[in-house]
Amino acid sequence: MPEETIAAISCLVLAAAVAVFIFYFRSDPADSSRFRTRLDQLLERRDSIYENLRDLRFEFRAGKYSEHDYQQIRQSLEVEAASVLSEIDGLTGDSSPRARSRALAADHAAHPEGGR
């Protein structure tokens, strides 16, 4: 096959991929929202903290952190997580002990590593 034909086919495939990406994939309206609610921000922060705790645990097991550094960073992240969860409870108005235990169970199910 001549090189010009291969180049033409490659250009067509690339153009088709770009068209599919531009016109087929739809972004989530929340992503383009200029004003996210405080609850959205807190939920995103909570997920970020959980991810950081998982990463910290992995890196500690890989030997990147000493026991002291690991405990210090973990405690800091857990304090921040508690603060965020408390603020989420305040915004949702659901701070009863039963609601908290349901929320913790749901969080644990969604994030089984949990950083502990």
C-alpha atoms as a PDB file:
ATOM      1  CA  MET A   1       0.000   0.000   0.000  1.00  0.00           C
ATOM      2  CA  PRO A   2       1.456   3.398  -0.904  1.00  0.00           C
ATOM      3  CA  GLU A   3       2.429   5.764   1.892  1.00  0.00           C
ATOM      4  CA  GLU A   4      -0.058   8.399   0.702  1.00  0.00           C
ATOM      5  CA  THR A   5      -2.938   5.953   1.102  1.00  0.00           C
ATOM      6  CA  ILE A   6      -1.831   5.005   4.618  1.00  0.00           C
ATOM      7  CA  ALA A   7      -1.510   8.686   5.532  1.00  0.00           C
ATOM      8  CA  ALA A   8      -4.971   9.455   4.115  1.00  0.00           C
ATOM      9  CA  ILE A   9      -6.556   6.552   6.006  1.00  0.00           C
ATOM     10  CA  SER A  10      -4.791   7.618   9.218  1.00  0.00           C
ATOM     11  CA  CYS A  11      -6.098  11.178   8.797  1.00  0.00           C
ATOM     12  CA  LEU A  12      -9.648   9.928   8.246  1.00  0.00           C
ATOM     13  CA  VAL A  13      -9.494   7.687  11.324  1.00  0.00           C
ATOM     14  CA  LEU A  14      -8.130  10.563  13.404  1.00  0.00           C
ATOM     15  CA  ALA A  15     -10.819  12.940  12.115  1.00  0.00           C
ATOM     16  CA  ALA A  16     -13.524  10.373  12.928  1.00  0.00           C
ATOM     17  CA  ALA A  17     -12.130   9.901  16.454  1.00  0.00           C
ATOM     18  CA  VAL A  18     -12.082  13.660  17.027  1.00  0.00           C
ATOM     19  CA  ALA A  19     -15.655  14.007  15.746  1.00  0.00           C
ATOM     20  CA  VAL A  20     -16.859  11.210  18.025  1.00  0.00           C
ATOM     21  CA  PHE A  21     -15.103  12.804  20.990  1.00  0.00           C
ATOM     22  CA  ILE A  22     -16.539  16.262  20.292  1.00  0.00           C
ATOM     23  CA  PHE A  23     -20.096  15.308  19.410  1.00  0.00           C
ATOM     24  CA  TYR A  24     -20.743  12.002  21.166  1.00  0.00           C
ATOM     25  CA  PHE A  25     -19.364  12.490  24.667  1.00  0.00           C
ATOM     26  CA  ARG A  26     -21.485  14.771  26.811  1.00  0.00           C
ATOM     27  CA  SER A  27     -20.057  16.419  29.874  1.00  0.00           C
ATOM     28  CA  ASP A  28     -21.869  16.297  33.161  1.00  0.00           C
ATOM     29  CA  PRO A  29     -23.741  19.594  33.718  1.00  0.00           C
ATOM     30  CA  ALA A  30     -22.368  19.709  37.262  1.00  0.00           C
ATOM     31  CA  ASP A  31     -18.836  19.840  35.850  1.00  0.00           C
ATOM     32  CA  SER A  32     -19.538  23.039  33.956  1.00  0.00           C
ATOM     33  CA  SER A  33     -21.579  24.614  36.720  1.00  0.00           C
ATOM     34  CA  ARG A  34     -20.054  27.891  37.796  1.00  0.00           C
ATOM     35  CA  PHE A  35     -21.537  27.654  41.261  1.00  0.00           C
ATOM     36  CA  ARG A  36     -21.302  24.310  42.961  1.00  0.00           C
ATOM     37  CA  THR A  37     -23.117  23.982  46.226  1.00  0.00           C
ATOM     38  CA  ARG A  38     -21.209  23.797  49.479  1.00  0.00           C
ATOM     39  CA  LEU A  39     -22.394  20.201  49.865  1.00  0.00           C
ATOM     40  CA  ASP A  40     -20.917  19.289  46.461  1.00  0.00           C
ATOM     41  CA  GLN A  41     -17.608  20.812  47.501  1.00  0.00           C
ATOM     42  CA  LEU A  42     -17.617  18.933  50.802  1.00  0.00           C
ATOM     43  CA  LEU A  43     -18.473  15.608  49.199  1.00  0.00           C
ATOM     44  CA  GLU A  44     -15.665  16.105  46.696  1.00  0.00           C
ATOM     45  CA  ARG A  45     -13.270  16.991  49.520  1.00  0.00           C
ATOM     46  CA  ARG A  46     -14.362  13.924  51.503  1.00  0.00           C
ATOM     47  CA  ASP A  47     -13.642  11.675  48.523  1.00  0.00           C
ATOM     48  CA  SER A  48     -10.278  13.345  48.036  1.00  0.00           C
ATOM     49  CA  ILE A  49      -9.336  12.759  51.683  1.00  0.00           C
ATOM     50  CA  TYR A  50     -10.340   9.087  51.443  1.00  0.00           C
ATOM     51  CA  GLU A  51      -8.218   8.745  48.325  1.00  0.00           C
ATOM     52  CA  ASN A  52      -5.288  10.417  50.098  1.00  0.00           C
ATOM     53  CA  LEU A  53      -5.650   8.013  53.013  1.00  0.00           C
ATOM     54  CA  ARG A  54      -5.593   5.019  50.654  1.00  0.00           C
ATOM     55  CA  ASP A  55      -2.538   6.391  48.853  1.00  0.00           C
ATOM     56  CA  LEU A  56      -0.805   7.099  52.159  1.00  0.00           C
ATOM     57  CA  ARG A  57      -1.419   3.547  53.343  1.00  0.00           C
ATOM     58  CA  PHE A  58      -0.074   2.120  50.096  1.00  0.00           C
ATOM     59  CA  GLU A  59       3.025   4.331  50.175  1.00  0.00           C
ATOM     60  CA  PHE A  60       3.680   3.456  53.825  1.00  0.00           C
ATOM     61  CA  ARG A  61       3.509  -0.245  52.995  1.00  0.00           C
ATOM     62  CA  ALA A  62       5.886   0.390  50.087  1.00  0.00           C
ATOM     63  CA  GLY A  63       8.381   1.902  52.535  1.00  0.00           C
ATOM     64  CA  LYS A  64       8.143   5.549  51.494  1.00  0.00           C
ATOM     65  CA  TYR A  65       7.252   6.787  54.976  1.00  0.00           C
ATOM     66  CA  SER A  66       8.535   6.020  58.451  1.00  0.00           C
ATOM     67  CA  GLU A  67       6.033   4.849  61.076  1.00  0.00           C
ATOM     68  CA  HIS A  68       6.139   8.262  62.775  1.00  0.00           C
ATOM     69  CA  ASP A  69       5.521  10.199  59.537  1.00  0.00           C
ATOM     70  CA  TYR A  70       2.767   7.803  58.528  1.00  0.00           C
ATOM     71  CA  GLN A  71       0.941   8.170  61.862  1.00  0.00           C
ATOM     72  CA  GLN A  72       1.307  11.951  61.807  1.00  0.00           C
ATOM     73  CA  ILE A  73      -0.018  12.376  58.258  1.00  0.00           C
ATOM     74  CA  ARG A  74      -2.784   9.815  58.821  1.00  0.00           C
ATOM     75  CA  GLN A  75      -3.943  11.588  61.979  1.00  0.00           C
ATOM     76  CA  SER A  76      -4.007  14.912  60.162  1.00  0.00           C
ATOM     77  CA  LEU A  77      -6.092  13.460  57.320  1.00  0.00           C
ATOM     78  CA  GLU A  78      -8.475  11.744  59.749  1.00  0.00           C
ATOM     79  CA  VAL A  79      -9.015  14.993  61.672  1.00  0.00           C
ATOM     80  CA  GLU A  80      -9.749  16.766  58.398  1.00  0.00           C
ATOM     81  CA  ALA A  81     -12.124  13.971  57.346  1.00  0.00           C
ATOM     82  CA  ALA A  82     -13.984  14.207  60.661  1.00  0.00           C
ATOM     83  CA  SER A  83     -14.351  17.946  60.191  1.00  0.00           C
ATOM     84  CA  VAL A  84     -15.678  17.547  56.663  1.00  0.00           C
ATOM     85  CA  LEU A  85     -18.096  14.780  57.695  1.00  0.00           C
ATOM     86  CA  SER A  86     -19.329  16.925  60.568  1.00  0.00           C
ATOM     87  CA  GLU A  87     -19.951  19.828  58.220  1.00  0.00           C
ATOM     88  CA  ILE A  88     -21.770  17.519  55.795  1.00  0.00           C
ATOM     89  CA  ASP A  89     -23.984  16.377  58.678  1.00  0.00           C
ATOM     90  CA  GLY A  90     -24.667  20.006  59.543  1.00  0.00           C
ATOM     91  CA  LEU A  91     -25.692  20.848  55.991  1.00  0.00           C
ATOM     92  CA  THR A  92     -27.891  17.816  55.527  1.00  0.00           C
ATOM     93  CA  GLY A  93     -29.478  18.292  58.942  1.00  0.00           C
ATOM     94  CA  ASP A  94     -29.173  14.590  59.629  1.00  0.00           C
ATOM     95  CA  SER A  95     -26.999  14.310  62.713  1.00  0.00           C
ATOM     96  CA  SER A  96     -28.867  11.686  64.734  1.00  0.00           C
ATOM     97  CA  PRO A  97     -26.789   8.732  65.958  1.00  0.00           C
ATOM     98  CA  ARG A  98     -28.756   6.321  63.766  1.00  0.00           C
ATOM     99  CA  ALA A  99     -28.214   8.506  60.709  1.00  0.00           C
ATOM    100  CA  ARG A 100     -24.510   8.777  61.504  1.00  0.00           C
ATOM    101  CA  SER A 101     -24.133   5.016  61.778  1.00  0.00           C
ATOM    102  CA  ARG A 102     -25.957   4.569  58.445  1.00  0.00           C
ATOM    103  CA  ALA A 103     -23.704   7.197  56.840  1.00  0.00           C
ATOM    104  CA  LEU A 104     -20.578   5.564  58.257  1.00  0.00           C
ATOM    105  CA  ALA A 105     -21.712   2.164  57.014  1.00  0.00           C
ATOM    106  CA  ALA A 106     -22.392   3.615  53.565  1.00  0.00           C
ATOM    107  CA  ASP A 107     -19.015   5.364  53.560  1.00  0.00           C
ATOM    108  CA  HIS A 108     -17.292   2.158  54.590  1.00  0.00           C
ATOM    109  CA  ALA A 109     -19.089   0.231  51.843  1.00  0.00           C
ATOM    110  CA  ALA A 110     -18.137   2.862  49.274  1.00  0.00           C
ATOM    111  CA  HIS A 111     -14.551   3.159  50.553  1.00  0.00           C
ATOM    112  CA  PRO A 112     -13.603  -0.186  52.097  1.00  0.00           C
ATOM    113  CA  GLU A 113      -9.923   0.692  52.559  1.00  0.00           C
ATOM    114  CA  GLY A 114     -10.901   3.838  54.477  1.00  0.00           C
ATOM    115  CA  GLY A 115      -7.258   4.506  55.309  1.00  0.00           C
ATOM    116  CA  ARG A 116      -7.210   2.358  58.436  1.00  0.00           C
END
